[in-house]
Amino acid sequence: MNQIPADASVRAESPLYHADLKTVAEQGTQDAGIVLQELALLDHLVLRGSVDNAAFTTGVESALGMVLPANLQSAEHEGRVIRWISPDEWLVTTAGGMGFELEQQLREAMGETHFAIVNVSGGQTVITVEGADAEEMLKKCTPYDIHISHMPVGKVVTSLFGKSQAVIRRTGEQGFELVIRRSFADYCWLWLQDASGEFGFSVKES
């Protein structure tokens, strides 16, 4: 089902809309050790299937232009990201407004084989964490060992974040992204601000 309202006057609001990130961004320091940004209103698709099913894997590759990543890995292509969640589950994000079209492409490419696709776009958001102190700050947020020797670029894990949960992916030597649930967005955002306080942080507009 296409989740984009037909009525163009209906305003989309991200899980952190109330946080007024534009105002926070204008108040940020230029020499901050951490830069936070919400990648607001991306479309999120949960994809499930078996890697032993050739019709499923080749269909995904055909529609997304990349091979399904294996255990704890991710893949990127033309603004789309696939994150491994479990042995038969992946999270796909794409540009806002493109999720329904991508879902149709996946269904067409995989035909009658066994699979499942669920659009969860309204239920979560993505926050990026970058900067020289990003890794040190995130050590206060999750018990998972995120040192680059253990979590290289492209690795993705689902772990505790504070008293909540996040899908954590390393995007660069000094960069991470967090996929968080809408119901915990405010909690995670406040936690990030508090954890970043000693390093200095700024916010980048979406």
Protein backbone atom coordinates (compact mmCIF):
# COMPACT_ATOMS: atom_id res chain seq x y z
CA MET A 1 0.00 0.00 0.00
CA ASN A 2 1.26 3.47 -0.86
CA GLN A 3 1.65 5.33 2.44
CA ILE A 4 2.07 8.75 0.80
CA PRO A 5 -1.19 10.73 1.26
CA ALA A 6 -2.94 11.71 -1.94
CA ASP A 7 -3.74 15.07 -0.36
CA ALA A 8 -0.66 17.22 -0.92
CA SER A 9 -1.64 19.50 1.96
CA VAL A 10 -0.97 16.74 4.51
CA ARG A 11 2.37 17.51 6.17
CA ALA A 12 4.85 14.74 6.88
CA GLU A 13 6.59 14.98 10.25
CA SER A 14 9.68 13.00 11.21
CA PRO A 15 9.97 11.38 14.65
CA LEU A 16 12.19 14.31 15.71
CA TYR A 17 10.08 17.06 14.18
CA HIS A 18 9.20 18.40 17.64
CA ALA A 19 12.91 18.77 18.53
CA ASP A 20 13.22 21.76 16.15
CA LEU A 21 16.59 20.63 14.84
CA LYS A 22 16.81 23.68 12.57
CA THR A 23 17.05 25.96 15.61
CA VAL A 24 19.50 23.61 17.35
CA ALA A 25 21.63 23.55 14.18
CA GLU A 26 21.84 27.34 14.12
CA GLN A 27 23.18 27.33 17.69
CA GLY A 28 25.88 24.68 17.12
CA THR A 29 29.61 25.32 17.50
CA GLN A 30 31.95 25.07 14.52
CA ASP A 31 34.67 23.09 16.32
CA ALA A 32 32.39 20.40 17.77
CA GLY A 33 33.85 16.94 18.24
CA ILE A 34 30.53 15.38 17.25
CA VAL A 35 28.05 16.26 14.50
CA LEU A 36 24.53 14.83 14.69
CA GLN A 37 21.98 14.74 11.88
CA GLU A 38 18.58 13.16 11.39
CA LEU A 39 18.13 11.65 7.95
CA ALA A 40 14.47 12.52 8.13
CA LEU A 41 11.63 10.90 6.22
CA LEU A 42 13.56 8.17 4.45
CA ASP A 43 11.45 5.21 3.38
CA HIS A 44 12.14 1.98 5.30
CA LEU A 45 11.32 -1.52 4.06
CA VAL A 46 11.77 -4.71 6.08
CA LEU A 47 12.59 -7.56 3.71
CA ARG A 48 12.44 -11.22 4.69
CA GLY A 49 13.37 -14.34 2.77
CA SER A 50 15.84 -17.19 2.54
CA VAL A 51 19.35 -16.76 1.13
CA ASP A 52 19.05 -20.37 -0.07
CA ASN A 53 16.23 -19.31 -2.40
CA ALA A 54 17.88 -18.26 -5.66
CA ALA A 55 14.72 -16.55 -6.94
CA PHE A 56 14.67 -14.39 -3.82
CA THR A 57 18.35 -13.37 -3.86
CA THR A 58 18.54 -12.73 -7.61
CA GLY A 59 15.27 -10.82 -7.49
CA VAL A 60 16.60 -8.53 -4.76
CA GLU A 61 19.84 -8.00 -6.67
CA SER A 62 17.91 -7.15 -9.83
CA ALA A 63 15.65 -4.61 -8.09
CA LEU A 64 18.24 -3.01 -5.80
CA GLY A 65 21.37 -3.28 -7.92
CA MET A 66 23.36 -4.96 -5.14
CA VAL A 67 23.79 -8.35 -3.54
CA LEU A 68 22.14 -9.02 -0.18
CA PRO A 69 24.82 -8.49 2.50
CA ALA A 70 25.84 -11.42 4.65
CA ASN A 71 26.05 -11.65 8.45
CA LEU A 72 26.43 -8.25 10.18
CA GLN A 73 27.22 -6.47 6.89
CA SER A 74 25.59 -3.74 4.83
CA ALA A 75 25.59 -2.57 1.22
CA GLU A 76 24.96 0.78 -0.49
CA HIS A 77 24.04 1.73 -4.04
CA GLU A 78 22.67 4.98 -5.46
CA GLY A 79 21.33 6.24 -2.14
CA ARG A 80 19.84 2.93 -1.07
CA VAL A 81 21.20 0.97 1.89
CA ILE A 82 20.61 -2.67 2.85
CA ARG A 83 21.37 -3.63 6.45
CA TRP A 84 21.59 -7.23 7.65
CA ILE A 85 19.30 -7.65 10.67
CA SER A 86 19.12 -11.45 11.08
CA PRO A 87 19.77 -14.54 8.91
CA ASP A 88 16.49 -14.02 7.04
CA GLU A 89 15.82 -10.30 7.54
CA TRP A 90 17.20 -7.06 6.08
CA LEU A 91 16.31 -3.38 6.45
CA VAL A 92 16.31 -1.36 3.24
CA THR A 93 16.21 2.43 3.23
CA THR A 94 15.69 4.65 0.22
CA ALA A 95 14.82 8.26 -0.51
CA GLY A 96 11.55 9.51 0.90
CA GLY A 97 8.60 8.92 -1.39
CA MET A 98 10.34 6.07 -3.24
CA GLY A 99 9.44 3.20 -0.92
CA PHE A 100 6.19 2.17 -2.59
CA GLU A 101 7.78 2.15 -6.04
CA LEU A 102 10.73 0.12 -4.74
CA GLU A 103 8.39 -2.34 -3.03
CA GLN A 104 6.57 -2.89 -6.32
CA GLN A 105 9.88 -3.42 -8.13
CA LEU A 106 10.95 -6.01 -5.55
CA ARG A 107 7.64 -7.87 -5.75
CA GLU A 108 7.80 -7.95 -9.53
CA ALA A 109 11.43 -9.09 -9.56
CA MET A 110 10.84 -11.92 -7.06
CA GLY A 111 7.62 -13.16 -8.64
CA GLU A 112 5.86 -16.05 -6.93
CA THR A 113 8.73 -17.10 -4.67
CA HIS A 114 8.39 -17.01 -0.87
CA PHE A 115 9.26 -13.62 0.68
CA ALA A 116 7.79 -10.79 2.75
CA ILE A 117 8.07 -6.99 2.50
CA VAL A 118 6.71 -4.58 5.11
CA ASN A 119 6.86 -0.80 4.81
CA VAL A 120 7.81 0.54 8.28
CA SER A 121 8.70 4.07 7.18
CA GLY A 122 6.53 5.83 9.74
CA GLY A 123 7.85 3.77 12.62
CA GLN A 124 11.53 4.70 12.73
CA THR A 125 14.18 7.21 11.70
CA VAL A 126 17.92 7.43 11.08
CA ILE A 127 20.41 9.59 13.00
CA THR A 128 24.00 9.97 11.82
CA VAL A 129 26.85 10.52 14.30
CA GLU A 130 30.13 11.84 12.91
CA GLY A 131 33.30 13.45 14.17
CA ALA A 132 36.61 12.81 15.88
CA ASP A 133 34.88 11.90 19.16
CA ALA A 134 31.97 9.91 17.73
CA GLU A 135 33.34 6.50 18.68
CA GLU A 136 34.30 7.59 22.19
CA MET A 137 30.86 9.09 22.78
CA LEU A 138 28.99 6.04 21.50
CA LYS A 139 30.91 3.83 23.92
CA LYS A 140 28.76 5.43 26.61
CA CYS A 141 25.59 4.49 24.75
CA THR A 142 25.96 0.81 23.84
CA PRO A 143 27.67 -2.25 25.40
CA TYR A 144 28.70 -3.49 21.95
CA ASP A 145 32.41 -3.12 21.14
CA ILE A 146 32.38 -0.46 18.41
CA HIS A 147 36.17 -0.03 18.16
CA ILE A 148 37.10 0.02 14.49
CA SER A 149 39.18 -3.14 14.90
CA HIS A 150 36.01 -4.98 15.91
CA MET A 151 33.47 -2.92 13.95
CA PRO A 152 34.94 -1.97 10.57
CA VAL A 153 33.24 0.27 8.02
CA GLY A 154 30.05 -1.35 6.73
CA LYS A 155 29.41 -3.56 9.74
CA VAL A 156 25.93 -3.35 11.26
CA VAL A 157 24.59 -4.66 14.58
CA THR A 158 21.38 -4.44 16.55
CA SER A 159 22.22 -3.65 20.15
CA LEU A 160 21.15 -1.85 23.29
CA PHE A 161 21.27 1.93 23.11
CA GLY A 162 20.90 3.42 26.56
CA LYS A 163 17.81 1.60 27.80
CA SER A 164 16.41 1.33 24.29
CA GLN A 165 17.65 -0.35 21.10
CA ALA A 166 19.24 0.77 17.85
CA VAL A 167 20.52 -0.69 14.61
CA ILE A 168 24.08 0.66 14.55
CA ARG A 169 26.13 0.83 11.34
CA ARG A 170 29.64 2.13 10.87
CA THR A 171 29.68 4.42 7.83
CA GLY A 172 33.28 5.63 8.02
CA GLU A 173 36.36 5.79 10.22
CA GLN A 174 34.66 8.54 12.25
CA GLY A 175 31.05 7.98 11.22
CA PHE A 176 28.08 5.93 12.40
CA GLU A 177 24.35 5.81 11.83
CA LEU A 178 21.59 4.75 14.21
CA VAL A 179 18.20 3.44 13.16
CA ILE A 180 15.84 4.06 16.06
CA ARG A 181 12.16 3.43 16.66
CA ARG A 182 9.77 6.34 16.53
CA SER A 183 8.49 5.70 20.06
CA PHE A 184 12.06 6.02 21.43
CA ALA A 185 13.21 8.87 19.19
CA ASP A 186 12.87 11.56 21.86
CA TYR A 187 14.62 9.40 24.47
CA CYS A 188 17.52 8.56 22.11
CA TRP A 189 17.88 12.17 20.99
CA LEU A 190 18.09 13.45 24.57
CA TRP A 191 20.53 10.64 25.42
CA LEU A 192 22.76 11.60 22.48
CA GLN A 193 22.80 15.26 23.50
CA ASP A 194 23.73 14.35 27.06
CA ALA A 195 26.42 11.85 26.01
CA SER A 196 27.89 14.38 23.56
CA GLY A 197 28.05 17.22 26.08
CA GLU A 198 31.66 16.74 27.15
CA PHE A 199 32.91 16.68 23.54
CA GLY A 200 30.86 19.54 22.16
CA PHE A 201 28.34 18.81 19.43
CA SER A 202 26.58 20.48 16.58
CA VAL A 203 23.53 19.51 14.55
CA LYS A 204 23.38 19.44 10.78
CA GLU A 205 20.06 20.16 9.10
CA SER A 206 18.50 17.33 7.11
